[in-house]
Amino acid sequence: MQLLASGRESDVYDIGSGRVLRRSRHIVDTSFEAEVMIRLARNGFPVPTVYEAAGSDLIMQRVEGPSLLTALCLGDVTAAEAAATMVDLHRRLHEIPCGTTENRVLHLDLHPDNVLLGPDGPVLIDWSNTTEGSPALDTAVSALILAQVAVGGTELADLAADLLRAFAPAVDAVSELPAALRMRRANPTMSAQELAELDHAVELVVATATPSPTP
């Protein structure tokens, strides 16, 4: 197996025949995630095809193409174009009916590194956080993730700030922001520095999502 990528919680391997294996480093059950992806695919939402889910292993289609983050860093797409892609993926996802009229399927980790630019268009990956709930929570989490990078002082900070400025005003980024903050605080993979910067990130989301008054 060839290692393709390593995230905070899992590793992705190329296993041949157009398939990848995502293996969690922890004991988890991927069956629910797989079921959600299969249901979304049936509704026409762009996710990798799922072939097998067994314990901590998930075997899926390998999507050929760069991540949206890679395309941003290379200058192949602008921040405005990347934001429009994120907004559209949220919109399409939240249009899919669920058991109640209020709730929708939520991704809760929709950011440029989880969007692959496949030959047929953007594909959303990594559904390990998926649940059902308010669409505004999904968009608030995305905005908060971008804001955390923007205040984090890394080489991606300016790019994340540009992306946030294009994304936050186009969605509801604030009504479920307190819930998004609680969720991020409870994330066990967050570093001490990331946790310390969360309040600053929340302030940035609010400032970015709120239009400046017209003189």
C-alpha atoms as a PDB file:
ATOM      1  CA  MET A   1       0.000   0.000   0.000  1.00  0.00           C
ATOM      2  CA  GLN A   2       1.172   3.507  -0.801  1.00  0.00           C
ATOM      3  CA  LEU A   3       0.564   6.202   1.792  1.00  0.00           C
ATOM      4  CA  LEU A   4      -1.202   9.132   0.132  1.00  0.00           C
ATOM      5  CA  ALA A   5      -2.061  11.399   3.049  1.00  0.00           C
ATOM      6  CA  SER A   6      -2.027  11.597   6.833  1.00  0.00           C
ATOM      7  CA  GLY A   7      -4.517  13.640   8.826  1.00  0.00           C
ATOM      8  CA  ARG A   8      -5.018  14.263  12.508  1.00  0.00           C
ATOM      9  CA  GLU A   9      -6.982  11.060  13.031  1.00  0.00           C
ATOM     10  CA  SER A  10      -6.404   8.768  10.050  1.00  0.00           C
ATOM     11  CA  ASP A  11      -4.142   7.765   7.155  1.00  0.00           C
ATOM     12  CA  VAL A  12      -5.137   7.248   3.521  1.00  0.00           C
ATOM     13  CA  TYR A  13      -3.497   4.588   1.344  1.00  0.00           C
ATOM     14  CA  ASP A  14      -3.692   3.810  -2.358  1.00  0.00           C
ATOM     15  CA  ILE A  15      -4.625   0.120  -2.627  1.00  0.00           C
ATOM     16  CA  GLY A  16      -4.866  -0.007  -6.413  1.00  0.00           C
ATOM     17  CA  SER A  17      -7.741  -0.455  -8.864  1.00  0.00           C
ATOM     18  CA  GLY A  18      -8.859   3.129  -8.337  1.00  0.00           C
ATOM     19  CA  ARG A  19      -9.476   2.590  -4.628  1.00  0.00           C
ATOM     20  CA  VAL A  20      -8.145   4.053  -1.395  1.00  0.00           C
ATOM     21  CA  LEU A  21      -8.170   2.787   2.167  1.00  0.00           C
ATOM     22  CA  ARG A  22      -8.753   5.303   4.939  1.00  0.00           C
ATOM     23  CA  ARG A  23      -7.623   3.763   8.222  1.00  0.00           C
ATOM     24  CA  SER A  24      -8.327   5.469  11.540  1.00  0.00           C
ATOM     25  CA  ARG A  25      -5.647   5.416  14.202  1.00  0.00           C
ATOM     26  CA  HIS A  26      -8.363   4.864  16.808  1.00  0.00           C
ATOM     27  CA  ILE A  27     -11.021   2.209  17.292  1.00  0.00           C
ATOM     28  CA  VAL A  28     -14.076   3.549  15.480  1.00  0.00           C
ATOM     29  CA  ASP A  29     -17.044   2.184  13.552  1.00  0.00           C
ATOM     30  CA  THR A  30     -17.121   3.579  10.013  1.00  0.00           C
ATOM     31  CA  SER A  31     -20.437   1.943   9.097  1.00  0.00           C
ATOM     32  CA  PHE A  32     -22.586   5.014   9.852  1.00  0.00           C
ATOM     33  CA  GLU A  33     -20.291   7.278   7.852  1.00  0.00           C
ATOM     34  CA  ALA A  34     -20.447   4.819   4.951  1.00  0.00           C
ATOM     35  CA  GLU A  35     -24.246   4.659   5.118  1.00  0.00           C
ATOM     36  CA  VAL A  36     -24.511   8.453   4.987  1.00  0.00           C
ATOM     37  CA  MET A  37     -22.185   8.650   1.985  1.00  0.00           C
ATOM     38  CA  ILE A  38     -24.133   5.953   0.143  1.00  0.00           C
ATOM     39  CA  ARG A  39     -27.412   7.791   0.805  1.00  0.00           C
ATOM     40  CA  LEU A  40     -25.937  11.088  -0.367  1.00  0.00           C
ATOM     41  CA  ALA A  41     -24.610   9.490  -3.544  1.00  0.00           C
ATOM     42  CA  ARG A  42     -28.092   8.158  -4.289  1.00  0.00           C
ATOM     43  CA  ASN A  43     -29.357  11.735  -4.000  1.00  0.00           C
ATOM     44  CA  GLY A  44     -26.768  12.974  -6.481  1.00  0.00           C
ATOM     45  CA  PHE A  45     -24.390  14.600  -4.016  1.00  0.00           C
ATOM     46  CA  PRO A  46     -20.695  14.355  -4.980  1.00  0.00           C
ATOM     47  CA  VAL A  47     -18.988  11.923  -2.591  1.00  0.00           C
ATOM     48  CA  PRO A  48     -16.511   9.109  -3.288  1.00  0.00           C
ATOM     49  CA  THR A  49     -18.096   5.739  -4.009  1.00  0.00           C
ATOM     50  CA  VAL A  50     -17.985   3.524  -0.913  1.00  0.00           C
ATOM     51  CA  TYR A  51     -16.924  -0.092  -1.466  1.00  0.00           C
ATOM     52  CA  GLU A  52     -16.474  -1.451   2.041  1.00  0.00           C
ATOM     53  CA  ALA A  53     -16.654  -0.366   5.679  1.00  0.00           C
ATOM     54  CA  ALA A  54     -15.183  -2.619   8.339  1.00  0.00           C
ATOM     55  CA  GLY A  55     -14.332  -1.333  11.808  1.00  0.00           C
ATOM     56  CA  SER A  56     -11.813   1.494  11.498  1.00  0.00           C
ATOM     57  CA  ASP A  57     -11.259   0.882   7.761  1.00  0.00           C
ATOM     58  CA  LEU A  58     -13.178   2.513   4.933  1.00  0.00           C
ATOM     59  CA  ILE A  59     -12.472   1.570   1.305  1.00  0.00           C
ATOM     60  CA  MET A  60     -13.569   4.162  -1.225  1.00  0.00           C
ATOM     61  CA  GLN A  61     -13.118   5.391  -4.757  1.00  0.00           C
ATOM     62  CA  ARG A  62      -9.902   7.300  -5.392  1.00  0.00           C
ATOM     63  CA  VAL A  63     -10.843  10.721  -6.745  1.00  0.00           C
ATOM     64  CA  GLU A  64      -8.215  11.941  -9.202  1.00  0.00           C
ATOM     65  CA  GLY A  65      -7.523  15.618  -8.796  1.00  0.00           C
ATOM     66  CA  PRO A  66      -6.016  18.150  -6.395  1.00  0.00           C
ATOM     67  CA  SER A  67      -7.657  19.394  -3.241  1.00  0.00           C
ATOM     68  CA  LEU A  68      -9.270  22.811  -3.319  1.00  0.00           C
ATOM     69  CA  LEU A  69      -6.569  23.905  -0.863  1.00  0.00           C
ATOM     70  CA  THR A  70      -3.806  22.845  -3.245  1.00  0.00           C
ATOM     71  CA  ALA A  71      -5.487  24.681  -6.112  1.00  0.00           C
ATOM     72  CA  LEU A  72      -5.755  27.801  -3.934  1.00  0.00           C
ATOM     73  CA  CYS A  73      -2.107  27.668  -2.928  1.00  0.00           C
ATOM     74  CA  LEU A  74      -1.030  27.242  -6.552  1.00  0.00           C
ATOM     75  CA  GLY A  75      -3.190  30.149  -7.676  1.00  0.00           C
ATOM     76  CA  ASP A  76      -5.302  27.940  -9.926  1.00  0.00           C
ATOM     77  CA  VAL A  77      -8.481  29.193  -8.216  1.00  0.00           C
ATOM     78  CA  THR A  78      -9.146  32.477  -6.428  1.00  0.00           C
ATOM     79  CA  ALA A  79     -10.462  32.860  -2.897  1.00  0.00           C
ATOM     80  CA  ALA A  80     -13.779  34.022  -4.348  1.00  0.00           C
ATOM     81  CA  GLU A  81     -13.999  30.915  -6.535  1.00  0.00           C
ATOM     82  CA  ALA A  82     -13.090  28.628  -3.643  1.00  0.00           C
ATOM     83  CA  ALA A  83     -15.680  30.279  -1.410  1.00  0.00           C
ATOM     84  CA  ALA A  84     -18.322  29.860  -4.108  1.00  0.00           C
ATOM     85  CA  THR A  85     -17.479  26.145  -4.282  1.00  0.00           C
ATOM     86  CA  MET A  86     -17.857  25.789  -0.510  1.00  0.00           C
ATOM     87  CA  VAL A  87     -21.122  27.716  -0.498  1.00  0.00           C
ATOM     88  CA  ASP A  88     -22.502  25.559  -3.315  1.00  0.00           C
ATOM     89  CA  LEU A  89     -21.543  22.311  -1.590  1.00  0.00           C
ATOM     90  CA  HIS A  90     -23.262  23.449   1.603  1.00  0.00           C
ATOM     91  CA  ARG A  91     -26.353  24.470  -0.354  1.00  0.00           C
ATOM     92  CA  ARG A  92     -26.576  21.192  -2.247  1.00  0.00           C
ATOM     93  CA  LEU A  93     -26.018  19.134   0.885  1.00  0.00           C
ATOM     94  CA  HIS A  94     -28.646  20.972   2.902  1.00  0.00           C
ATOM     95  CA  GLU A  95     -31.230  20.614   0.145  1.00  0.00           C
ATOM     96  CA  ILE A  96     -31.277  16.824   0.611  1.00  0.00           C
ATOM     97  CA  PRO A  97     -34.328  15.824   2.705  1.00  0.00           C
ATOM     98  CA  CYS A  98     -33.946  14.183   6.104  1.00  0.00           C
ATOM     99  CA  GLY A  99     -36.385  12.725   8.591  1.00  0.00           C
ATOM    100  CA  THR A 100     -37.614  16.141   9.728  1.00  0.00           C
ATOM    101  CA  THR A 101     -38.193  19.425   7.924  1.00  0.00           C
ATOM    102  CA  GLU A 102     -35.781  21.280  10.245  1.00  0.00           C
ATOM    103  CA  ASN A 103     -32.774  18.951  10.185  1.00  0.00           C
ATOM    104  CA  ARG A 104     -30.420  18.219   7.321  1.00  0.00           C
ATOM    105  CA  VAL A 105     -27.303  16.111   6.847  1.00  0.00           C
ATOM    106  CA  LEU A 106     -24.308  18.051   8.151  1.00  0.00           C
ATOM    107  CA  HIS A 107     -20.670  17.516   7.221  1.00  0.00           C
ATOM    108  CA  LEU A 108     -19.152  19.593  10.056  1.00  0.00           C
ATOM    109  CA  ASP A 109     -15.672  19.711   8.529  1.00  0.00           C
ATOM    110  CA  LEU A 110     -16.192  21.355   5.141  1.00  0.00           C
ATOM    111  CA  HIS A 111     -12.998  23.225   4.317  1.00  0.00           C
ATOM    112  CA  PRO A 112     -10.727  23.391   1.243  1.00  0.00           C
ATOM    113  CA  ASP A 113      -8.570  20.407   2.186  1.00  0.00           C
ATOM    114  CA  ASN A 114     -11.667  18.183   2.272  1.00  0.00           C
ATOM    115  CA  VAL A 115     -12.794  19.172  -1.215  1.00  0.00           C
ATOM    116  CA  LEU A 116     -11.207  17.325  -4.139  1.00  0.00           C
ATOM    117  CA  LEU A 117     -11.431  18.827  -7.615  1.00  0.00           C
ATOM    118  CA  GLY A 118     -12.249  15.686  -9.553  1.00  0.00           C
ATOM    119  CA  PRO A 119     -12.685  15.399 -13.314  1.00  0.00           C
ATOM    120  CA  ASP A 120     -16.478  15.744 -12.925  1.00  0.00           C
ATOM    121  CA  GLY A 121     -16.369  18.578 -10.411  1.00  0.00           C
ATOM    122  CA  PRO A 122     -15.799  19.077  -6.678  1.00  0.00           C
ATOM    123  CA  VAL A 123     -16.132  16.022  -4.416  1.00  0.00           C
ATOM    124  CA  LEU A 124     -16.550  16.329  -0.643  1.00  0.00           C
ATOM    125  CA  ILE A 125     -14.556  13.826   1.432  1.00  0.00           C
ATOM    126  CA  ASP A 126     -14.072  12.909   5.126  1.00  0.00           C
ATOM    127  CA  TRP A 127     -17.542  12.378   6.562  1.00  0.00           C
ATOM    128  CA  SER A 128     -16.316  11.171   9.959  1.00  0.00           C
ATOM    129  CA  ASN A 129     -18.066  14.063  11.771  1.00  0.00           C
ATOM    130  CA  THR A 130     -21.365  13.757   9.926  1.00  0.00           C
ATOM    131  CA  THR A 131     -24.655  14.077  11.785  1.00  0.00           C
ATOM    132  CA  GLU A 132     -28.064  15.683  11.320  1.00  0.00           C
ATOM    133  CA  GLY A 133     -29.000  19.135  12.525  1.00  0.00           C
ATOM    134  CA  SER A 134     -29.297  22.783  11.601  1.00  0.00           C
ATOM    135  CA  PRO A 135     -27.616  23.795   8.331  1.00  0.00           C
ATOM    136  CA  ALA A 136     -26.454  26.976  10.065  1.00  0.00           C
ATOM    137  CA  LEU A 137     -24.249  24.865  12.354  1.00  0.00           C
ATOM    138  CA  ASP A 138     -22.503  23.402   9.314  1.00  0.00           C
ATOM    139  CA  THR A 139     -21.736  26.802   7.819  1.00  0.00           C
ATOM    140  CA  ALA A 140     -20.683  28.226  11.197  1.00  0.00           C
ATOM    141  CA  VAL A 141     -18.199  25.389  11.698  1.00  0.00           C
ATOM    142  CA  SER A 142     -16.706  25.996   8.254  1.00  0.00           C
ATOM    143  CA  ALA A 143     -16.368  29.716   8.956  1.00  0.00           C
ATOM    144  CA  LEU A 144     -14.784  29.058  12.347  1.00  0.00           C
ATOM    145  CA  ILE A 145     -12.262  26.613  10.851  1.00  0.00           C
ATOM    146  CA  LEU A 146     -11.221  29.248   8.296  1.00  0.00           C
ATOM    147  CA  ALA A 147     -10.971  31.875  11.030  1.00  0.00           C
ATOM    148  CA  GLN A 148      -8.778  29.619  13.165  1.00  0.00           C
ATOM    149  CA  VAL A 149      -6.322  29.304  10.296  1.00  0.00           C
ATOM    150  CA  ALA A 150      -6.533  33.057   9.645  1.00  0.00           C
ATOM    151  CA  VAL A 151      -5.518  33.898  13.231  1.00  0.00           C
ATOM    152  CA  GLY A 152      -3.070  31.011  13.554  1.00  0.00           C
ATOM    153  CA  GLY A 153      -0.023  32.773  12.143  1.00  0.00           C
ATOM    154  CA  THR A 154       0.897  30.062   9.629  1.00  0.00           C
ATOM    155  CA  GLU A 155       1.751  30.555   5.970  1.00  0.00           C
ATOM    156  CA  LEU A 156      -1.910  29.922   5.142  1.00  0.00           C
ATOM    157  CA  ALA A 157      -3.234  32.710   7.382  1.00  0.00           C
ATOM    158  CA  ASP A 158      -3.655  35.380   4.700  1.00  0.00           C
ATOM    159  CA  LEU A 159      -5.216  32.925   2.272  1.00  0.00           C
ATOM    160  CA  ALA A 160      -7.675  31.737   4.931  1.00  0.00           C
ATOM    161  CA  ALA A 161      -8.592  35.339   5.776  1.00  0.00           C
ATOM    162  CA  ASP A 162      -9.309  36.091   2.111  1.00  0.00           C
ATOM    163  CA  LEU A 163     -11.412  32.958   1.850  1.00  0.00           C
ATOM    164  CA  LEU A 164     -13.329  33.792   5.035  1.00  0.00           C
ATOM    165  CA  ARG A 165     -14.107  37.283   3.723  1.00  0.00           C
ATOM    166  CA  ALA A 166     -15.669  35.722   0.631  1.00  0.00           C
ATOM    167  CA  PHE A 167     -17.414  32.837   2.422  1.00  0.00           C
ATOM    168  CA  ALA A 168     -18.863  34.217   5.663  1.00  0.00           C
ATOM    169  CA  PRO A 169     -21.101  36.957   4.186  1.00  0.00           C
ATOM    170  CA  ALA A 170     -22.581  34.425   1.728  1.00  0.00           C
ATOM    171  CA  VAL A 171     -23.872  32.024   4.413  1.00  0.00           C
ATOM    172  CA  ASP A 172     -25.316  32.075   7.913  1.00  0.00           C
ATOM    173  CA  ALA A 173     -22.040  32.029   9.809  1.00  0.00           C
ATOM    174  CA  VAL A 174     -23.175  33.427  13.164  1.00  0.00           C
ATOM    175  CA  SER A 175     -26.545  32.117  14.356  1.00  0.00           C
ATOM    176  CA  GLU A 176     -25.060  28.746  15.375  1.00  0.00           C
ATOM    177  CA  LEU A 177     -21.573  30.077  16.110  1.00  0.00           C
ATOM    178  CA  PRO A 178     -21.828  29.400  19.888  1.00  0.00           C
ATOM    179  CA  ALA A 179     -22.596  25.739  19.143  1.00  0.00           C
ATOM    180  CA  ALA A 180     -19.749  25.615  16.633  1.00  0.00           C
ATOM    181  CA  LEU A 181     -17.415  27.038  19.274  1.00  0.00           C
ATOM    182  CA  ARG A 182     -18.462  24.367  21.791  1.00  0.00           C
ATOM    183  CA  MET A 183     -17.868  21.687  19.187  1.00  0.00           C
ATOM    184  CA  ARG A 184     -14.403  22.959  18.338  1.00  0.00           C
ATOM    185  CA  ARG A 185     -13.467  23.278  22.013  1.00  0.00           C
ATOM    186  CA  ALA A 186     -14.441  19.631  22.539  1.00  0.00           C
ATOM    187  CA  ASN A 187     -12.337  18.415  19.603  1.00  0.00           C
ATOM    188  CA  PRO A 188      -9.605  16.217  21.123  1.00  0.00           C
ATOM    189  CA  THR A 189      -7.206  16.827  18.217  1.00  0.00           C
ATOM    190  CA  MET A 190      -6.952  20.580  18.870  1.00  0.00           C
ATOM    191  CA  SER A 191      -3.625  21.850  20.159  1.00  0.00           C
ATOM    192  CA  ALA A 192      -3.330  24.121  23.186  1.00  0.00           C
ATOM    193  CA  GLN A 193      -2.508  27.044  20.900  1.00  0.00           C
ATOM    194  CA  GLU A 194      -5.550  26.376  18.711  1.00  0.00           C
ATOM    195  CA  LEU A 195      -7.790  26.267  21.767  1.00  0.00           C
ATOM    196  CA  ALA A 196      -6.326  29.522  23.044  1.00  0.00           C
ATOM    197  CA  GLU A 197      -7.001  31.226  19.694  1.00  0.00           C
ATOM    198  CA  LEU A 198     -10.641  30.155  19.448  1.00  0.00           C
ATOM    199  CA  ASP A 199     -12.143  33.298  20.996  1.00  0.00           C
ATOM    200  CA  HIS A 200     -10.138  35.476  18.596  1.00  0.00           C
ATOM    201  CA  ALA A 201     -11.363  33.301  15.713  1.00  0.00           C
ATOM    202  CA  VAL A 202     -14.983  33.735  16.820  1.00  0.00           C
ATOM    203  CA  GLU A 203     -14.527  37.507  16.877  1.00  0.00           C
ATOM    204  CA  LEU A 204     -13.117  37.375  13.352  1.00  0.00           C
ATOM    205  CA  VAL A 205     -16.088  35.363  12.078  1.00  0.00           C
ATOM    206  CA  VAL A 206     -18.548  37.859  13.555  1.00  0.00           C
ATOM    207  CA  ALA A 207     -16.632  40.847  12.180  1.00  0.00           C
ATOM    208  CA  THR A 208     -16.304  39.263   8.741  1.00  0.00           C
ATOM    209  CA  ALA A 209     -19.896  38.063   8.467  1.00  0.00           C
ATOM    210  CA  THR A 210     -21.384  41.389   9.509  1.00  0.00           C
ATOM    211  CA  PRO A 211     -21.447  43.950   6.682  1.00  0.00           C
ATOM    212  CA  SER A 212     -19.801  47.259   7.471  1.00  0.00           C
ATOM    213  CA  PRO A 213     -22.293  50.121   7.791  1.00  0.00           C
ATOM    214  CA  THR A 214     -22.617  52.287   4.704  1.00  0.00           C
ATOM    215  CA  PRO A 215     -21.386  55.851   5.358  1.00  0.00           C
END
